[in-house]
Each structure stands twice: as C-alpha cells, then as structure tokens.
Amino acid sequence: MASLEVAGRTIALDPEGYLENLDDWEPCVAIALALDEQVELTEAHWELIEQVRNFYKEFDHSPAMRPLVKYIGLNLGADKGRSIYLMQLLPPNKSTGSPPKRLARLAGLPKPDNCL
C-alpha cells in the first residue's frame, strides 16, 4: 500500500493514489498530492476543490465531467462551468487521468466511478 508523509503523519493511499480514509484530508494533504502531480495550487484550484468537496457532501459520490461542469456552472458561473476551464487548470494526464479524477484526488475524495 502506498502512503504519503504530511505534517508528521502517514496518510494511506490506494494503488491509484487516492486517500484510503477520506477523514485524512486537510489542505496540507491537498498540497502534498498536488506536488506529487506537479501542480501548483492556485486560488482557482482551491475554488474547484471546495466545489467538488461540496458536490460529494451533497450527492455522496465524486462527479464525472458533465455533472461537475454543471455543478460548477451553477455555483461559480458559466465562465467556470466549462470543461475547457477544468482542462486548462488540470490538464488530462496519462498517469493521473482526467480533470475530474485529478480534482477528486486532490480533494481527498474517491475516484469518480464513471470517468475514463
């Protein structure tokens, strides 16, 4: 099993790098996961992390691209509620996947079930 060292704690990760225990998430964990993905978290990233965590609280699952785009559009406006916006901030990556998968990982949530 993989793990991540953050603030003197060992955080267990599944084989794909998602948190084993969702309660282990905190902002410093997101920063460590972002470093692992070579992403520098900006205010725009944090805004999306907050939205995807809210989505999870509301619907009890991590969103795929279309529901995520719709949710972000409803909450942050049409200019941010577009897949191109997500792809600019978190480009699809061969090892870590699509923007919703990458965002779920950074937000400490399970991998979306229906993301390729």
N, C-alpha and C. Protein backbone atom coordinates (compact mmCIF):
# COMPACT_ATOMS: atom_id res chain seq x y z
N MET A 1 0.85 -1.18 0.00
CA MET A 1 0.00 0.00 0.00
C MET A 1 0.89 1.24 0.00
N ALA A 2 0.53 2.20 -0.79
CA ALA A 2 1.28 3.46 -0.88
C ALA A 2 0.88 4.37 0.28
N SER A 3 1.72 5.34 0.53
CA SER A 3 1.40 6.30 1.58
C SER A 3 2.04 7.64 1.25
N LEU A 4 1.65 8.63 2.00
CA LEU A 4 2.11 10.00 1.83
C LEU A 4 2.45 10.53 3.22
N GLU A 5 3.60 11.13 3.35
CA GLU A 5 4.01 11.74 4.63
C GLU A 5 3.63 13.21 4.60
N VAL A 6 2.77 13.62 5.55
CA VAL A 6 2.31 15.01 5.61
C VAL A 6 2.25 15.45 7.06
N ALA A 7 2.95 16.51 7.36
CA ALA A 7 2.92 17.12 8.70
C ALA A 7 3.13 16.08 9.80
N GLY A 8 4.09 15.17 9.59
CA GLY A 8 4.40 14.17 10.59
C GLY A 8 3.43 13.01 10.65
N ARG A 9 2.50 12.95 9.73
CA ARG A 9 1.52 11.85 9.68
C ARG A 9 1.74 11.04 8.43
N THR A 10 1.43 9.75 8.52
CA THR A 10 1.46 8.88 7.36
C THR A 10 0.02 8.72 6.88
N ILE A 11 -0.23 9.14 5.65
CA ILE A 11 -1.56 9.07 5.04
C ILE A 11 -1.58 7.89 4.08
N ALA A 12 -2.47 6.93 4.31
CA ALA A 12 -2.56 5.75 3.45
C ALA A 12 -3.26 6.10 2.15
N LEU A 13 -2.69 5.61 1.04
CA LEU A 13 -3.25 5.82 -0.30
C LEU A 13 -3.56 4.47 -0.93
N ASP A 14 -4.58 4.45 -1.78
CA ASP A 14 -4.86 3.22 -2.52
C ASP A 14 -3.86 3.12 -3.67
N PRO A 15 -3.89 2.02 -4.43
CA PRO A 15 -2.90 1.86 -5.51
C PRO A 15 -2.91 2.96 -6.57
N GLU A 16 -4.03 3.69 -6.70
CA GLU A 16 -4.10 4.77 -7.68
C GLU A 16 -3.79 6.14 -7.09
N GLY A 17 -3.46 6.18 -5.81
CA GLY A 17 -3.07 7.43 -5.18
C GLY A 17 -4.18 8.21 -4.51
N TYR A 18 -5.36 7.62 -4.37
CA TYR A 18 -6.48 8.26 -3.68
C TYR A 18 -6.41 7.91 -2.20
N LEU A 19 -6.91 8.79 -1.34
CA LEU A 19 -6.88 8.54 0.08
C LEU A 19 -7.68 7.29 0.44
N GLU A 20 -7.11 6.47 1.31
CA GLU A 20 -7.83 5.30 1.83
C GLU A 20 -8.93 5.75 2.79
N ASN A 21 -8.64 6.79 3.58
CA ASN A 21 -9.58 7.28 4.58
C ASN A 21 -9.87 8.75 4.26
N LEU A 22 -11.11 9.03 3.88
CA LEU A 22 -11.48 10.39 3.49
C LEU A 22 -11.28 11.40 4.62
N ASP A 23 -11.33 10.94 5.87
CA ASP A 23 -11.15 11.83 7.01
C ASP A 23 -9.71 12.30 7.17
N ASP A 24 -8.77 11.70 6.44
CA ASP A 24 -7.38 12.13 6.49
C ASP A 24 -7.14 13.42 5.72
N TRP A 25 -8.13 13.86 4.94
CA TRP A 25 -7.92 15.03 4.09
C TRP A 25 -7.89 16.31 4.91
N GLU A 26 -6.99 17.17 4.55
CA GLU A 26 -6.93 18.56 5.01
C GLU A 26 -6.12 19.31 3.97
N PRO A 27 -6.14 20.63 3.99
CA PRO A 27 -5.44 21.37 2.93
C PRO A 27 -3.98 20.98 2.72
N CYS A 28 -3.26 20.67 3.79
CA CYS A 28 -1.84 20.30 3.60
C CYS A 28 -1.71 18.96 2.85
N VAL A 29 -2.70 18.10 2.95
CA VAL A 29 -2.71 16.84 2.19
C VAL A 29 -2.92 17.17 0.71
N ALA A 30 -3.83 18.09 0.42
CA ALA A 30 -4.06 18.50 -0.97
C ALA A 30 -2.77 19.07 -1.58
N ILE A 31 -2.05 19.85 -0.80
CA ILE A 31 -0.80 20.44 -1.29
C ILE A 31 0.21 19.34 -1.59
N ALA A 32 0.32 18.36 -0.71
CA ALA A 32 1.25 17.25 -0.93
C ALA A 32 0.85 16.43 -2.16
N LEU A 33 -0.45 16.17 -2.33
CA LEU A 33 -0.91 15.44 -3.50
C LEU A 33 -0.65 16.24 -4.78
N ALA A 34 -0.84 17.55 -4.70
CA ALA A 34 -0.58 18.40 -5.87
C ALA A 34 0.90 18.38 -6.23
N LEU A 35 1.76 18.41 -5.24
CA LEU A 35 3.20 18.32 -5.51
C LEU A 35 3.53 17.01 -6.21
N ASP A 36 2.87 15.94 -5.78
CA ASP A 36 3.07 14.64 -6.41
C ASP A 36 2.66 14.68 -7.88
N GLU A 37 1.64 15.47 -8.19
CA GLU A 37 1.16 15.61 -9.57
C GLU A 37 1.84 16.76 -10.31
N GLN A 38 2.75 17.43 -9.66
CA GLN A 38 3.45 18.57 -10.23
C GLN A 38 2.50 19.70 -10.61
N VAL A 39 1.58 19.98 -9.70
CA VAL A 39 0.61 21.06 -9.87
C VAL A 39 0.79 22.04 -8.73
N GLU A 40 0.90 23.31 -9.06
CA GLU A 40 0.93 24.35 -8.04
C GLU A 40 -0.50 24.85 -7.86
N LEU A 41 -1.03 24.64 -6.66
CA LEU A 41 -2.42 25.02 -6.41
C LEU A 41 -2.57 26.53 -6.32
N THR A 42 -3.44 27.05 -7.17
CA THR A 42 -3.76 28.47 -7.19
C THR A 42 -5.11 28.68 -6.51
N GLU A 43 -5.52 29.92 -6.40
CA GLU A 43 -6.83 30.23 -5.85
C GLU A 43 -7.93 29.53 -6.68
N ALA A 44 -7.76 29.48 -7.98
CA ALA A 44 -8.75 28.81 -8.85
C ALA A 44 -8.84 27.31 -8.55
N HIS A 45 -7.70 26.67 -8.27
CA HIS A 45 -7.71 25.26 -7.90
C HIS A 45 -8.46 25.04 -6.58
N TRP A 46 -8.16 25.90 -5.60
CA TRP A 46 -8.82 25.77 -4.30
C TRP A 46 -10.33 25.96 -4.42
N GLU A 47 -10.73 26.86 -5.29
CA GLU A 47 -12.16 27.09 -5.54
C GLU A 47 -12.81 25.81 -6.08
N LEU A 48 -12.12 25.13 -6.99
CA LEU A 48 -12.64 23.88 -7.55
C LEU A 48 -12.62 22.75 -6.52
N ILE A 49 -11.58 22.70 -5.72
CA ILE A 49 -11.51 21.69 -4.67
C ILE A 49 -12.70 21.85 -3.72
N GLU A 50 -13.00 23.08 -3.34
CA GLU A 50 -14.14 23.34 -2.48
C GLU A 50 -15.45 22.89 -3.15
N GLN A 51 -15.59 23.18 -4.44
CA GLN A 51 -16.81 22.80 -5.15
C GLN A 51 -16.97 21.28 -5.24
N VAL A 52 -15.89 20.57 -5.54
CA VAL A 52 -16.01 19.12 -5.67
C VAL A 52 -16.26 18.48 -4.30
N ARG A 53 -15.70 19.05 -3.24
CA ARG A 53 -15.99 18.54 -1.90
C ARG A 53 -17.45 18.81 -1.52
N ASN A 54 -17.99 19.97 -1.91
CA ASN A 54 -19.40 20.26 -1.68
C ASN A 54 -20.29 19.31 -2.46
N PHE A 55 -19.91 19.03 -3.71
CA PHE A 55 -20.66 18.08 -4.54
C PHE A 55 -20.73 16.73 -3.83
N TYR A 56 -19.60 16.28 -3.33
CA TYR A 56 -19.54 14.98 -2.65
C TYR A 56 -20.43 14.98 -1.41
N LYS A 57 -20.41 16.05 -0.62
CA LYS A 57 -21.26 16.14 0.57
C LYS A 57 -22.74 16.10 0.19
N GLU A 58 -23.07 16.74 -0.91
CA GLU A 58 -24.47 16.82 -1.34
C GLU A 58 -24.97 15.53 -1.98
N PHE A 59 -24.15 14.87 -2.80
CA PHE A 59 -24.61 13.72 -3.58
C PHE A 59 -23.96 12.39 -3.20
N ASP A 60 -23.00 12.41 -2.29
CA ASP A 60 -22.34 11.21 -1.78
C ASP A 60 -21.59 10.41 -2.84
N HIS A 61 -21.07 11.08 -3.84
CA HIS A 61 -20.17 10.46 -4.81
C HIS A 61 -19.37 11.55 -5.52
N SER A 62 -18.24 11.14 -6.05
CA SER A 62 -17.40 12.07 -6.80
C SER A 62 -17.96 12.22 -8.20
N PRO A 63 -18.01 13.45 -8.72
CA PRO A 63 -18.63 13.67 -10.02
C PRO A 63 -17.73 13.34 -11.21
N ALA A 64 -18.36 12.88 -12.27
CA ALA A 64 -17.70 12.77 -13.57
C ALA A 64 -17.72 14.17 -14.21
N MET A 65 -17.20 14.29 -15.41
CA MET A 65 -17.03 15.60 -16.04
C MET A 65 -18.35 16.37 -16.19
N ARG A 66 -19.36 15.78 -16.80
CA ARG A 66 -20.59 16.55 -17.07
C ARG A 66 -21.27 17.05 -15.80
N PRO A 67 -21.50 16.17 -14.80
CA PRO A 67 -22.11 16.70 -13.58
C PRO A 67 -21.24 17.74 -12.87
N LEU A 68 -19.93 17.57 -12.93
CA LEU A 68 -19.03 18.53 -12.30
C LEU A 68 -19.11 19.88 -12.99
N VAL A 69 -19.08 19.88 -14.31
CA VAL A 69 -19.17 21.13 -15.07
C VAL A 69 -20.48 21.83 -14.78
N LYS A 70 -21.57 21.09 -14.73
CA LYS A 70 -22.88 21.68 -14.45
C LYS A 70 -22.91 22.27 -13.04
N TYR A 71 -22.41 21.52 -12.07
CA TYR A 71 -22.39 21.97 -10.68
C TYR A 71 -21.55 23.24 -10.53
N ILE A 72 -20.39 23.26 -11.13
CA ILE A 72 -19.52 24.43 -11.06
C ILE A 72 -20.18 25.62 -11.75
N GLY A 73 -20.82 25.38 -12.90
CA GLY A 73 -21.52 26.46 -13.59
C GLY A 73 -22.62 27.07 -12.74
N LEU A 74 -23.35 26.22 -12.02
CA LEU A 74 -24.43 26.72 -11.16
C LEU A 74 -23.89 27.51 -9.98
N ASN A 75 -22.74 27.12 -9.48
CA ASN A 75 -22.21 27.74 -8.27
C ASN A 75 -21.17 28.83 -8.49
N LEU A 76 -20.44 28.75 -9.59
CA LEU A 76 -19.37 29.73 -9.84
C LEU A 76 -19.57 30.55 -11.11
N GLY A 77 -20.58 30.21 -11.87
CA GLY A 77 -20.85 30.97 -13.09
C GLY A 77 -20.47 30.20 -14.35
N ALA A 78 -21.11 30.60 -15.44
CA ALA A 78 -20.94 29.91 -16.73
C ALA A 78 -19.51 29.95 -17.24
N ASP A 79 -18.76 31.01 -16.92
CA ASP A 79 -17.38 31.10 -17.42
C ASP A 79 -16.49 30.01 -16.82
N LYS A 80 -16.78 29.55 -15.60
CA LYS A 80 -16.01 28.49 -14.97
C LYS A 80 -16.67 27.12 -15.14
N GLY A 81 -17.93 27.11 -15.47
CA GLY A 81 -18.67 25.87 -15.66
C GLY A 81 -18.52 25.34 -17.07
N ARG A 82 -17.27 25.13 -17.49
CA ARG A 82 -16.98 24.60 -18.82
C ARG A 82 -15.85 23.60 -18.69
N SER A 83 -15.93 22.54 -19.48
CA SER A 83 -14.88 21.52 -19.40
C SER A 83 -13.52 22.08 -19.80
N ILE A 84 -13.49 23.04 -20.71
CA ILE A 84 -12.22 23.62 -21.14
C ILE A 84 -11.54 24.34 -19.96
N TYR A 85 -12.32 24.95 -19.11
CA TYR A 85 -11.78 25.62 -17.92
C TYR A 85 -11.08 24.60 -17.02
N LEU A 86 -11.75 23.46 -16.79
CA LEU A 86 -11.16 22.41 -15.96
C LEU A 86 -9.89 21.85 -16.61
N MET A 87 -9.93 21.66 -17.91
CA MET A 87 -8.77 21.10 -18.61
C MET A 87 -7.58 22.06 -18.62
N GLN A 88 -7.86 23.36 -18.58
CA GLN A 88 -6.76 24.32 -18.51
C GLN A 88 -6.10 24.29 -17.14
N LEU A 89 -6.90 24.12 -16.08
CA LEU A 89 -6.34 24.10 -14.72
C LEU A 89 -5.71 22.75 -14.37
N LEU A 90 -6.34 21.68 -14.83
CA LEU A 90 -5.86 20.32 -14.54
C LEU A 90 -5.90 19.51 -15.83
N PRO A 91 -4.95 19.73 -16.70
CA PRO A 91 -4.95 19.03 -17.99
C PRO A 91 -4.98 17.51 -17.80
N PRO A 92 -5.67 16.82 -18.71
CA PRO A 92 -5.66 15.36 -18.63
C PRO A 92 -4.22 14.87 -18.62
N ASN A 93 -3.98 13.87 -17.82
CA ASN A 93 -2.64 13.36 -17.61
C ASN A 93 -2.68 11.85 -17.72
N LYS A 94 -1.75 11.28 -18.45
CA LYS A 94 -1.75 9.84 -18.69
C LYS A 94 -1.71 9.04 -17.38
N SER A 95 -0.95 9.51 -16.41
CA SER A 95 -0.81 8.74 -15.18
C SER A 95 -1.90 9.05 -14.16
N THR A 96 -2.41 10.28 -14.14
CA THR A 96 -3.40 10.62 -13.12
C THR A 96 -4.81 10.85 -13.67
N GLY A 97 -4.97 10.88 -14.97
CA GLY A 97 -6.30 10.88 -15.56
C GLY A 97 -6.90 12.23 -15.90
N SER A 98 -8.21 12.20 -16.03
CA SER A 98 -9.00 13.35 -16.46
C SER A 98 -9.09 14.41 -15.35
N PRO A 99 -9.51 15.62 -15.69
CA PRO A 99 -9.66 16.66 -14.67
C PRO A 99 -10.53 16.25 -13.48
N PRO A 100 -11.70 15.59 -13.69
CA PRO A 100 -12.48 15.19 -12.51
C PRO A 100 -11.74 14.18 -11.62
N LYS A 101 -10.99 13.26 -12.22
CA LYS A 101 -10.22 12.30 -11.43
C LYS A 101 -9.13 13.02 -10.65
N ARG A 102 -8.43 13.91 -11.30
CA ARG A 102 -7.35 14.65 -10.65
C ARG A 102 -7.91 15.53 -9.53
N LEU A 103 -9.03 16.18 -9.79
CA LEU A 103 -9.64 17.05 -8.80
C LEU A 103 -10.15 16.24 -7.60
N ALA A 104 -10.76 15.10 -7.85
CA ALA A 104 -11.24 14.24 -6.75
C ALA A 104 -10.06 13.80 -5.88
N ARG A 105 -8.96 13.44 -6.52
CA ARG A 105 -7.77 13.02 -5.77
C ARG A 105 -7.26 14.16 -4.90
N LEU A 106 -7.14 15.34 -5.47
CA LEU A 106 -6.65 16.50 -4.70
C LEU A 106 -7.60 16.88 -3.57
N ALA A 107 -8.89 16.64 -3.77
CA ALA A 107 -9.90 16.98 -2.77
C ALA A 107 -10.07 15.87 -1.73
N GLY A 108 -9.31 14.80 -1.86
CA GLY A 108 -9.38 13.71 -0.89
C GLY A 108 -10.60 12.83 -1.02
N LEU A 109 -11.16 12.78 -2.22
CA LEU A 109 -12.39 12.02 -2.45
C LEU A 109 -12.09 10.75 -3.25
N PRO A 110 -13.06 9.83 -3.26
CA PRO A 110 -12.86 8.62 -4.07
C PRO A 110 -12.83 8.95 -5.56
N LYS A 111 -12.19 8.08 -6.33
CA LYS A 111 -12.15 8.26 -7.78
C LYS A 111 -13.57 8.19 -8.33
N PRO A 112 -13.92 9.10 -9.23
CA PRO A 112 -15.25 9.03 -9.85
C PRO A 112 -15.43 7.68 -10.56
N ASP A 113 -16.58 7.06 -10.36
CA ASP A 113 -16.85 5.74 -10.93
C ASP A 113 -16.88 5.72 -12.45
N ASN A 114 -17.44 6.76 -13.04
CA ASN A 114 -17.66 6.71 -14.49
C ASN A 114 -16.75 7.65 -15.27
N CYS A 115 -15.56 7.88 -14.77
CA CYS A 115 -14.58 8.66 -15.52
C CYS A 115 -13.61 7.70 -16.19
N LEU A 116 -13.27 7.99 -17.41
CA LEU A 116 -12.32 7.14 -18.12
C LEU A 116 -10.90 7.44 -17.68
